[in-house]
N, C-alpha and C. Protein backbone atom coordinates (compact mmCIF):
# COMPACT_ATOMS: atom_id res chain seq x y z
N MET A 1 134.32 54.85 72.96
CA MET A 1 135.50 54.00 74.37
C MET A 1 134.74 52.66 74.39
N THR A 2 135.75 51.79 74.05
CA THR A 2 135.12 50.56 73.68
C THR A 2 134.56 49.77 75.42
N THR A 3 133.53 48.79 75.80
CA THR A 3 133.39 48.27 76.65
C THR A 3 134.39 48.10 77.81
N GLU A 4 135.92 47.23 76.86
CA GLU A 4 136.53 46.83 78.04
C GLU A 4 137.66 47.71 78.22
N TYR A 5 137.72 48.51 77.73
CA TYR A 5 138.27 49.91 78.32
C TYR A 5 137.67 50.37 79.31
N ALA A 6 136.63 50.85 78.57
CA ALA A 6 135.27 51.65 80.24
C ALA A 6 135.64 50.84 80.99
N ILE A 7 135.70 49.16 81.78
CA ILE A 7 135.17 48.85 82.30
C ILE A 7 137.27 48.80 82.95
N MET A 8 138.26 48.79 82.57
CA MET A 8 139.26 48.68 82.58
C MET A 8 139.59 50.16 83.68
N ILE A 9 139.21 50.94 83.12
CA ILE A 9 139.31 52.53 83.56
C ILE A 9 138.46 52.64 84.97
N LEU A 10 136.87 52.28 84.80
CA LEU A 10 136.64 52.13 86.03
C LEU A 10 137.11 51.59 86.99
N THR A 11 137.36 50.38 86.95
CA THR A 11 138.15 49.39 87.83
C THR A 11 139.58 50.61 88.31
N LEU A 12 140.37 51.21 87.59
CA LEU A 12 141.22 51.19 88.22
C LEU A 12 141.06 52.85 88.93
N ILE A 13 140.33 53.19 88.48
CA ILE A 13 139.38 54.75 89.13
C ILE A 13 138.77 54.30 90.80
N THR A 14 138.27 52.92 90.67
CA THR A 14 137.95 52.42 91.88
C THR A 14 139.07 51.75 92.63
N LEU A 15 139.67 51.48 92.55
CA LEU A 15 141.29 51.11 93.09
C LEU A 15 141.77 52.28 93.80
N VAL A 16 141.94 53.46 92.43
CA VAL A 16 142.32 54.41 93.03
C VAL A 16 141.57 55.02 94.84
N ALA A 17 140.61 54.96 94.45
CA ALA A 17 139.62 55.47 95.56
C ALA A 17 139.58 54.89 96.94
N PHE A 18 139.70 53.78 96.50
CA PHE A 18 140.10 52.84 97.50
C PHE A 18 141.58 52.69 98.51
N VAL A 19 142.51 53.06 97.80
CA VAL A 19 143.81 52.63 98.10
C VAL A 19 144.40 54.58 98.43
N LEU A 20 143.53 55.61 98.24
CA LEU A 20 143.28 57.26 98.42
C LEU A 20 142.75 57.12 99.79
N ASN A 21 141.65 56.40 99.85
CA ASN A 21 141.01 56.38 101.34
C ASN A 21 141.65 55.72 102.31
N LEU A 22 142.50 54.68 102.27
CA LEU A 22 143.16 54.17 103.06
C LEU A 22 143.88 55.16 104.38
N PRO A 23 144.60 55.91 104.12
CA PRO A 23 145.56 56.92 104.57
C PRO A 23 144.31 57.49 105.82
N PHE A 24 143.39 58.26 104.63
CA PHE A 24 142.32 59.22 105.43
C PHE A 24 141.61 58.68 106.48
N GLY A 25 141.64 57.17 106.35
CA GLY A 25 140.70 56.44 107.17
C GLY A 25 141.43 56.14 108.82
N TYR A 26 142.94 56.24 107.81
CA TYR A 26 144.14 55.76 109.41
C TYR A 26 144.07 56.98 109.88
N LEU A 27 143.69 58.20 109.69
CA LEU A 27 143.77 59.69 110.17
C LEU A 27 142.37 59.67 111.02
N ARG A 28 141.38 59.21 110.21
CA ARG A 28 140.45 59.42 111.05
C ARG A 28 140.15 58.63 112.55
N GLY A 29 140.69 57.55 111.93
CA GLY A 29 140.73 56.57 113.55
C GLY A 29 141.20 57.16 114.72
N GLY A 30 142.28 57.92 114.36
CA GLY A 30 142.38 58.66 115.78
C GLY A 30 142.18 60.06 116.15
N THR A 31 141.19 60.72 115.66
CA THR A 31 140.29 61.41 115.77
C THR A 31 138.72 61.28 116.60
N LYS A 32 138.16 62.43 117.40
CA LYS A 32 137.11 61.98 117.79
C LYS A 32 136.21 62.21 116.74
N LYS A 33 134.88 61.17 117.24
CA LYS A 33 134.03 61.29 116.43
C LYS A 33 133.33 62.58 115.87
N PHE A 34 133.18 62.78 114.78
CA PHE A 34 132.30 63.97 114.27
C PHE A 34 132.98 65.42 114.60
N SER A 35 134.22 65.66 115.02
CA SER A 35 135.34 66.57 114.90
C SER A 35 135.50 66.95 113.94
N PHE A 36 135.58 68.22 113.72
CA PHE A 36 136.30 68.88 112.16
C PHE A 36 137.45 68.09 111.57
N LEU A 37 138.38 67.55 112.31
CA LEU A 37 139.55 66.38 111.43
C LEU A 37 138.58 65.26 111.04
N TRP A 38 137.79 65.22 112.06
CA TRP A 38 137.28 63.86 111.39
C TRP A 38 136.35 63.94 110.32
N TRP A 39 135.76 65.12 110.00
CA TRP A 39 134.79 65.21 108.79
C TRP A 39 135.95 65.91 108.07
N LEU A 40 136.93 66.50 108.00
CA LEU A 40 138.01 66.73 106.91
C LEU A 40 138.64 65.37 106.54
N TYR A 41 139.02 64.56 107.47
CA TYR A 41 139.59 63.63 106.58
C TYR A 41 138.19 62.39 105.46
N ILE A 42 137.61 62.70 106.07
CA ILE A 42 135.72 62.19 105.55
C ILE A 42 136.05 62.65 103.65
N HIS A 43 136.03 63.82 103.88
CA HIS A 43 136.09 64.73 103.02
C HIS A 43 136.77 65.34 101.86
N LEU A 44 137.91 65.20 102.58
CA LEU A 44 139.66 65.78 101.49
C LEU A 44 139.39 65.00 99.90
N PRO A 45 139.36 63.34 100.43
CA PRO A 45 139.69 62.50 99.14
C PRO A 45 138.71 63.17 97.80
N ILE A 46 137.06 63.37 98.27
CA ILE A 46 136.39 63.41 97.44
C ILE A 46 136.66 64.47 95.99
N PRO A 47 137.03 65.47 96.43
CA PRO A 47 137.52 66.04 94.83
C PRO A 47 138.40 65.50 94.23
N PHE A 48 139.26 64.64 94.46
CA PHE A 48 140.29 63.96 93.91
C PHE A 48 139.04 63.03 93.29
N ILE A 49 138.57 62.02 93.50
CA ILE A 49 138.23 60.89 93.07
C ILE A 49 137.14 61.63 91.88
N ILE A 50 136.20 62.86 92.40
CA ILE A 50 135.47 63.42 90.93
C ILE A 50 135.95 63.61 90.20
N ALA A 51 137.08 64.37 90.39
CA ALA A 51 137.69 64.93 89.14
C ALA A 51 138.53 63.62 88.43
N LEU A 52 138.84 62.34 88.93
CA LEU A 52 139.40 61.44 87.57
C LEU A 52 138.09 61.06 87.22
N ARG A 53 137.11 60.99 87.77
CA ARG A 53 135.95 59.83 87.30
C ARG A 53 135.34 61.10 85.99
N LEU A 54 135.20 62.34 86.26
CA LEU A 54 134.84 63.23 84.87
C LEU A 54 136.22 63.40 83.96
N PHE A 55 136.89 63.17 84.55
CA PHE A 55 138.54 63.54 83.44
C PHE A 55 138.23 61.96 82.78
N ALA A 56 137.99 60.95 83.10
CA ALA A 56 137.77 59.41 82.34
C ALA A 56 136.10 59.28 82.12
N GLY A 57 135.65 60.33 81.80
CA GLY A 57 134.26 60.29 81.27
C GLY A 57 133.18 59.80 81.39
N PHE A 58 133.20 59.57 82.96
CA PHE A 58 131.99 58.75 83.35
C PHE A 58 130.81 59.43 83.86
N GLY A 59 129.42 59.39 83.95
CA GLY A 59 128.99 59.95 84.23
C GLY A 59 128.55 59.70 85.80
N TYR A 60 127.11 59.47 86.43
CA TYR A 60 126.76 59.48 87.44
C TYR A 60 126.33 58.49 88.06
N GLU A 61 126.29 57.50 86.76
CA GLU A 61 125.89 55.81 86.73
C GLU A 61 127.45 55.02 87.59
N VAL A 62 128.13 55.71 87.75
CA VAL A 62 129.44 54.76 88.43
C VAL A 62 129.46 55.15 89.74
N VAL A 63 129.24 56.75 89.95
CA VAL A 63 129.18 57.20 91.35
C VAL A 63 128.81 55.87 92.94
N PRO A 64 127.82 55.36 92.76
CA PRO A 64 127.93 53.93 93.67
C PRO A 64 129.10 52.82 93.66
N ILE A 65 129.51 52.64 92.60
CA ILE A 65 130.59 52.04 92.76
C ILE A 65 131.98 52.47 93.58
N ILE A 66 132.44 53.73 92.73
CA ILE A 66 133.31 54.65 93.08
C ILE A 66 133.10 54.64 95.26
N LEU A 67 131.66 55.07 95.39
CA LEU A 67 131.59 55.57 96.70
C LEU A 67 132.01 54.01 98.00
N ALA A 68 131.54 52.85 96.92
CA ALA A 68 131.95 51.79 97.80
C ALA A 68 133.31 51.25 98.20
N ALA A 69 133.88 51.83 97.08
CA ALA A 69 135.20 51.39 97.47
C ALA A 69 135.79 52.63 98.65
N ALA A 70 135.64 53.56 98.20
CA ALA A 70 136.18 54.78 99.20
C ALA A 70 135.51 54.60 101.03
N ILE A 71 134.58 54.06 100.36
CA ILE A 71 133.74 53.69 102.26
C ILE A 71 134.30 52.54 102.67
N VAL A 72 134.89 51.62 102.12
CA VAL A 72 135.86 50.15 102.62
C VAL A 72 137.14 50.73 102.54
N GLY A 73 137.91 51.78 102.29
CA GLY A 73 139.05 52.52 102.31
C GLY A 73 138.92 53.03 103.26
N GLN A 74 137.66 54.09 103.43
CA GLN A 74 137.79 54.95 105.11
C GLN A 74 137.72 53.69 106.46
N LEU A 75 136.88 52.59 105.94
CA LEU A 75 137.07 51.95 107.28
C LEU A 75 138.21 50.82 107.42
N LEU A 76 138.40 49.88 106.11
CA LEU A 76 139.68 49.65 106.31
C LEU A 76 140.73 50.31 107.01
N GLY A 77 141.27 51.45 106.87
CA GLY A 77 141.63 51.99 107.23
C GLY A 77 141.63 53.28 108.55
N SER A 78 140.21 52.86 109.30
CA SER A 78 140.73 53.19 110.77
C SER A 78 140.82 52.19 111.41
N ARG A 79 140.17 50.70 110.47
CA ARG A 79 140.76 49.41 111.38
C ARG A 79 142.01 49.35 111.71
N ILE A 80 142.89 48.96 110.47
CA ILE A 80 144.44 49.27 110.35
C ILE A 80 144.81 49.92 112.00
N TYR A 81 144.02 51.21 112.02
CA TYR A 81 144.39 52.30 113.19
C TYR A 81 143.99 51.81 114.22
N ASN A 82 143.34 51.18 114.59
CA ASN A 82 142.33 51.12 115.82
C ASN A 82 143.46 49.49 116.36
N LEU A 83 143.74 48.70 115.11
CA LEU A 83 144.62 47.51 115.57
C LEU A 83 146.23 47.60 116.03
N ARG A 84 146.42 49.05 115.44
CA ARG A 84 147.90 49.27 115.86
C ARG A 84 148.15 50.01 117.01
N VAL A 85 146.92 50.85 117.32
CA VAL A 85 147.05 51.19 119.07
C VAL A 85 146.63 50.69 120.00
N SER A 86 145.91 49.56 119.38
CA SER A 86 145.08 48.54 120.69
C SER A 86 145.88 47.45 120.77
């Protein structure tokens, strides 16, 4: 795999992690903190993101990048929920 191709695939996976977490963050915004649903909305997208990373052939070294995008997606989704409700 060439470096340019690897960067392109990593960017795509990072974008998918961000977009996938937006609706889960939105849903999480309407639940009680530390409830079962709150926990579920945080963790449900993780297996899909891991599968994408492994399918693309990336190791653990890219996890911080993908994790950061997932966290930002969760936070932005929750912020959107709070803006719509208030």
